[in-house]
C-alpha atoms as a PDB file:
ATOM      1  CA  UNK A   1     -20.110  28.706  -1.481  1.00  0.00           C
ATOM      2  CA  UNK A   2     -19.847  26.040  -4.218  1.00  0.00           C
ATOM      3  CA  UNK A   3     -21.428  26.987  -7.551  1.00  0.00           C
ATOM      4  CA  UNK A   4     -22.890  23.535  -8.132  1.00  0.00           C
ATOM      5  CA  UNK A   5     -23.210  20.533  -5.827  1.00  0.00           C
ATOM      6  CA  UNK A   6     -19.904  18.758  -6.329  1.00  0.00           C
ATOM      7  CA  UNK A   7     -19.450  15.342  -4.744  1.00  0.00           C
ATOM      8  CA  UNK A   8     -16.631  15.597  -2.185  1.00  0.00           C
ATOM      9  CA  UNK A   9     -15.008  12.443  -0.811  1.00  0.00           C
ATOM     10  CA  UNK A  10     -14.339  12.648   2.920  1.00  0.00           C
ATOM     11  CA  UNK A  11     -11.903  10.111   4.346  1.00  0.00           C
ATOM     12  CA  UNK A  12     -11.415  10.737   8.062  1.00  0.00           C
ATOM     13  CA  UNK A  13     -11.224   8.183  10.877  1.00  0.00           C
ATOM     14  CA  UNK A  14     -12.105  10.542  13.733  1.00  0.00           C
ATOM     15  CA  UNK A  15     -15.929  10.429  13.865  1.00  0.00           C
ATOM     16  CA  UNK A  16     -16.493  13.966  15.151  1.00  0.00           C
ATOM     17  CA  UNK A  17     -14.120  15.467  12.590  1.00  0.00           C
ATOM     18  CA  UNK A  18     -15.756  13.399   9.831  1.00  0.00           C
ATOM     19  CA  UNK A  19     -19.221  14.570  10.867  1.00  0.00           C
ATOM     20  CA  UNK A  20     -18.079  18.196  11.037  1.00  0.00           C
ATOM     21  CA  UNK A  21     -16.561  17.947   7.549  1.00  0.00           C
ATOM     22  CA  UNK A  22     -19.708  16.327   6.131  1.00  0.00           C
ATOM     23  CA  UNK A  23     -21.948  19.016   7.570  1.00  0.00           C
ATOM     24  CA  UNK A  24     -19.606  21.775   6.381  1.00  0.00           C
ATOM     25  CA  UNK A  25     -19.569  20.352   2.831  1.00  0.00           C
ATOM     26  CA  UNK A  26     -23.378  20.202   2.843  1.00  0.00           C
ATOM     27  CA  UNK A  27     -23.666  23.736   4.230  1.00  0.00           C
ATOM     28  CA  UNK A  28     -21.374  24.959   1.452  1.00  0.00           C
ATOM     29  CA  UNK A  29     -23.578  23.340  -1.196  1.00  0.00           C
ATOM     30  CA  UNK A  30     -21.487  20.245  -1.807  1.00  0.00           C
ATOM     31  CA  UNK A  31     -22.489  16.607  -1.582  1.00  0.00           C
ATOM     32  CA  UNK A  32     -20.451  14.543   0.873  1.00  0.00           C
ATOM     33  CA  UNK A  33     -19.308  11.154  -0.376  1.00  0.00           C
ATOM     34  CA  UNK A  34     -18.756   9.193   2.799  1.00  0.00           C
ATOM     35  CA  UNK A  35     -17.385   9.931   5.237  1.00  0.00           C
ATOM     36  CA  UNK A  36     -15.293   6.805   5.428  1.00  0.00           C
ATOM     37  CA  UNK A  37     -12.719   5.946   8.050  1.00  0.00           C
ATOM     38  CA  UNK A  38     -10.527   3.448   6.241  1.00  0.00           C
ATOM     39  CA  UNK A  39      -8.498   3.081   3.075  1.00  0.00           C
ATOM     40  CA  UNK A  40     -10.530  -0.001   2.174  1.00  0.00           C
ATOM     41  CA  UNK A  41     -13.841   1.873   2.440  1.00  0.00           C
ATOM     42  CA  UNK A  42     -12.502   4.837   0.465  1.00  0.00           C
ATOM     43  CA  UNK A  43     -11.256   2.608  -2.361  1.00  0.00           C
ATOM     44  CA  UNK A  44     -14.593   0.789  -2.441  1.00  0.00           C
ATOM     45  CA  UNK A  45     -16.428   4.114  -2.775  1.00  0.00           C
ATOM     46  CA  UNK A  46     -14.066   5.292  -5.500  1.00  0.00           C
ATOM     47  CA  UNK A  47     -14.736   2.101  -7.453  1.00  0.00           C
ATOM     48  CA  UNK A  48     -18.406   3.051  -7.743  1.00  0.00           C
ATOM     49  CA  UNK A  49     -18.478   6.845  -7.370  1.00  0.00           C
ATOM     50  CA  UNK A  50     -17.137   9.853  -9.208  1.00  0.00           C
ATOM     51  CA  UNK A  51     -15.922  12.680  -7.004  1.00  0.00           C
ATOM     52  CA  UNK A  52     -15.044  16.272  -7.858  1.00  0.00           C
ATOM     53  CA  UNK A  53     -12.611  16.689  -4.962  1.00  0.00           C
ATOM     54  CA  UNK A  54     -11.465  15.004  -1.760  1.00  0.00           C
ATOM     55  CA  UNK A  55     -10.560  15.819   1.823  1.00  0.00           C
ATOM     56  CA  UNK A  56      -8.326  13.102   3.238  1.00  0.00           C
ATOM     57  CA  UNK A  57      -6.802  12.411   6.627  1.00  0.00           C
ATOM     58  CA  UNK A  58      -3.251  11.192   6.100  1.00  0.00           C
ATOM     59  CA  UNK A  59      -3.698   8.277   8.553  1.00  0.00           C
ATOM     60  CA  UNK A  60      -6.866   6.218   8.399  1.00  0.00           C
ATOM     61  CA  UNK A  61      -7.910   3.303  10.598  1.00  0.00           C
ATOM     62  CA  UNK A  62      -6.256   0.684   8.380  1.00  0.00           C
ATOM     63  CA  UNK A  63      -3.160   2.587   7.255  1.00  0.00           C
ATOM     64  CA  UNK A  64      -1.899   5.620   5.411  1.00  0.00           C
ATOM     65  CA  UNK A  65      -3.946   7.222   2.674  1.00  0.00           C
ATOM     66  CA  UNK A  66      -1.399   6.665  -0.161  1.00  0.00           C
ATOM     67  CA  UNK A  67      -3.540   4.171  -2.174  1.00  0.00           C
ATOM     68  CA  UNK A  68      -6.581   6.469  -2.090  1.00  0.00           C
ATOM     69  CA  UNK A  69      -4.493   9.506  -2.918  1.00  0.00           C
ATOM     70  CA  UNK A  70      -2.924   7.772  -5.906  1.00  0.00           C
ATOM     71  CA  UNK A  71      -6.324   6.838  -7.374  1.00  0.00           C
ATOM     72  CA  UNK A  72      -7.493  10.430  -7.008  1.00  0.00           C
ATOM     73  CA  UNK A  73      -4.320  11.863  -8.537  1.00  0.00           C
ATOM     74  CA  UNK A  74      -4.559   9.418 -11.443  1.00  0.00           C
ATOM     75  CA  UNK A  75      -8.123  10.689 -12.038  1.00  0.00           C
ATOM     76  CA  UNK A  76      -7.016  14.334 -11.800  1.00  0.00           C
ATOM     77  CA  UNK A  77      -9.133  15.004  -8.712  1.00  0.00           C
ATOM     78  CA  UNK A  78      -8.160  17.972  -6.495  1.00  0.00           C
ATOM     79  CA  UNK A  79      -7.202  16.811  -3.007  1.00  0.00           C
ATOM     80  CA  UNK A  80      -6.559  18.401   0.361  1.00  0.00           C
ATOM     81  CA  UNK A  81      -4.823  16.283   2.982  1.00  0.00           C
ATOM     82  CA  UNK A  82      -5.164  16.938   6.695  1.00  0.00           C
ATOM     83  CA  UNK A  83      -2.827  15.629   9.340  1.00  0.00           C
ATOM     84  CA  UNK A  84      -2.447  15.882  13.063  1.00  0.00           C
ATOM     85  CA  UNK A  85       0.862  14.022  13.135  1.00  0.00           C
ATOM     86  CA  UNK A  86       2.918  15.680  10.436  1.00  0.00           C
ATOM     87  CA  UNK A  87       3.798  14.610   6.935  1.00  0.00           C
ATOM     88  CA  UNK A  88       6.150  11.660   6.444  1.00  0.00           C
ATOM     89  CA  UNK A  89       9.184  12.588   4.298  1.00  0.00           C
ATOM     90  CA  UNK A  90       8.330  10.005   1.627  1.00  0.00           C
ATOM     91  CA  UNK A  91       4.855  11.524   1.331  1.00  0.00           C
ATOM     92  CA  UNK A  92       6.241  15.020   0.828  1.00  0.00           C
ATOM     93  CA  UNK A  93       8.833  13.849  -1.720  1.00  0.00           C
ATOM     94  CA  UNK A  94       6.275  11.799  -3.652  1.00  0.00           C
ATOM     95  CA  UNK A  95       3.636  14.573  -3.701  1.00  0.00           C
ATOM     96  CA  UNK A  96       5.544  17.869  -3.302  1.00  0.00           C
ATOM     97  CA  UNK A  97       2.728  20.092  -4.620  1.00  0.00           C
ATOM     98  CA  UNK A  98      -0.079  18.541  -2.619  1.00  0.00           C
ATOM     99  CA  UNK A  99      -1.990  20.868  -0.306  1.00  0.00           C
ATOM    100  CA  UNK A 100      -1.447  19.632   3.254  1.00  0.00           C
ATOM    101  CA  UNK A 101      -3.085  21.311   6.253  1.00  0.00           C
ATOM    102  CA  UNK A 102      -2.214  20.729   9.904  1.00  0.00           C
ATOM    103  CA  UNK A 103      -5.103  19.770  12.176  1.00  0.00           C
ATOM    104  CA  UNK A 104      -7.105  21.318  13.598  1.00  0.00           C
ATOM    105  CA  UNK A 105      -8.351  23.156  10.516  1.00  0.00           C
ATOM    106  CA  UNK A 106     -11.466  25.317  10.677  1.00  0.00           C
ATOM    107  CA  UNK A 107     -14.073  23.999   8.262  1.00  0.00           C
ATOM    108  CA  UNK A 108     -14.476  27.426   6.647  1.00  0.00           C
ATOM    109  CA  UNK A 109     -10.742  27.595   5.879  1.00  0.00           C
ATOM    110  CA  UNK A 110     -10.657  24.058   4.524  1.00  0.00           C
ATOM    111  CA  UNK A 111     -13.681  24.605   2.286  1.00  0.00           C
ATOM    112  CA  UNK A 112     -12.369  27.935   0.995  1.00  0.00           C
ATOM    113  CA  UNK A 113      -9.139  26.214  -0.043  1.00  0.00           C
ATOM    114  CA  UNK A 114     -11.095  23.362  -1.612  1.00  0.00           C
ATOM    115  CA  UNK A 115     -13.326  25.788  -3.514  1.00  0.00           C
ATOM    116  CA  UNK A 116     -10.205  27.548  -4.769  1.00  0.00           C
ATOM    117  CA  UNK A 117      -8.768  24.249  -6.043  1.00  0.00           C
ATOM    118  CA  UNK A 118     -12.052  23.438  -7.790  1.00  0.00           C
ATOM    119  CA  UNK A 119     -12.423  26.864  -9.380  1.00  0.00           C
ATOM    120  CA  UNK A 120      -8.775  26.887 -10.517  1.00  0.00           C
ATOM    121  CA  UNK A 121      -9.409  23.610 -12.276  1.00  0.00           C
ATOM    122  CA  UNK A 122      -6.454  22.025 -10.528  1.00  0.00           C
ATOM    123  CA  UNK A 123      -6.224  18.300 -10.894  1.00  0.00           C
ATOM    124  CA  UNK A 124      -4.217  17.074  -7.980  1.00  0.00           C
ATOM    125  CA  UNK A 125      -0.587  17.927  -7.328  1.00  0.00           C
ATOM    126  CA  UNK A 126       0.835  20.479  -9.682  1.00  0.00           C
ATOM    127  CA  UNK A 127      -2.556  21.205 -11.275  1.00  0.00           C
ATOM    128  CA  UNK A 128      -3.335  20.050 -14.707  1.00  0.00           C
END
């Protein structure tokens, strides 16, 4: 599915979902970075790793994903956010162009959308 083996950050605090995403990224030819279940772990990984894209759960074990998302957006990294609880209004107003998918999302659908973001050269909200 992916042309090369892009490193994809996976930040998801539900272990079975995280495992499913990791396996799906590998099956599609990507390289999972993580998965991690907390904002702290994700930021630590981003301090030492370059990623081509990210799949983020909106709520991680130690809080919302805003700090991780901001680092990725500042780097121009395409991001897909998943949520099972809806999107807080401040999140939507701060990142109006961000791709947000409601859980559960089939891995094939998620990866197809991610591949589209990567091939379009989009760099976070609004492209770039």
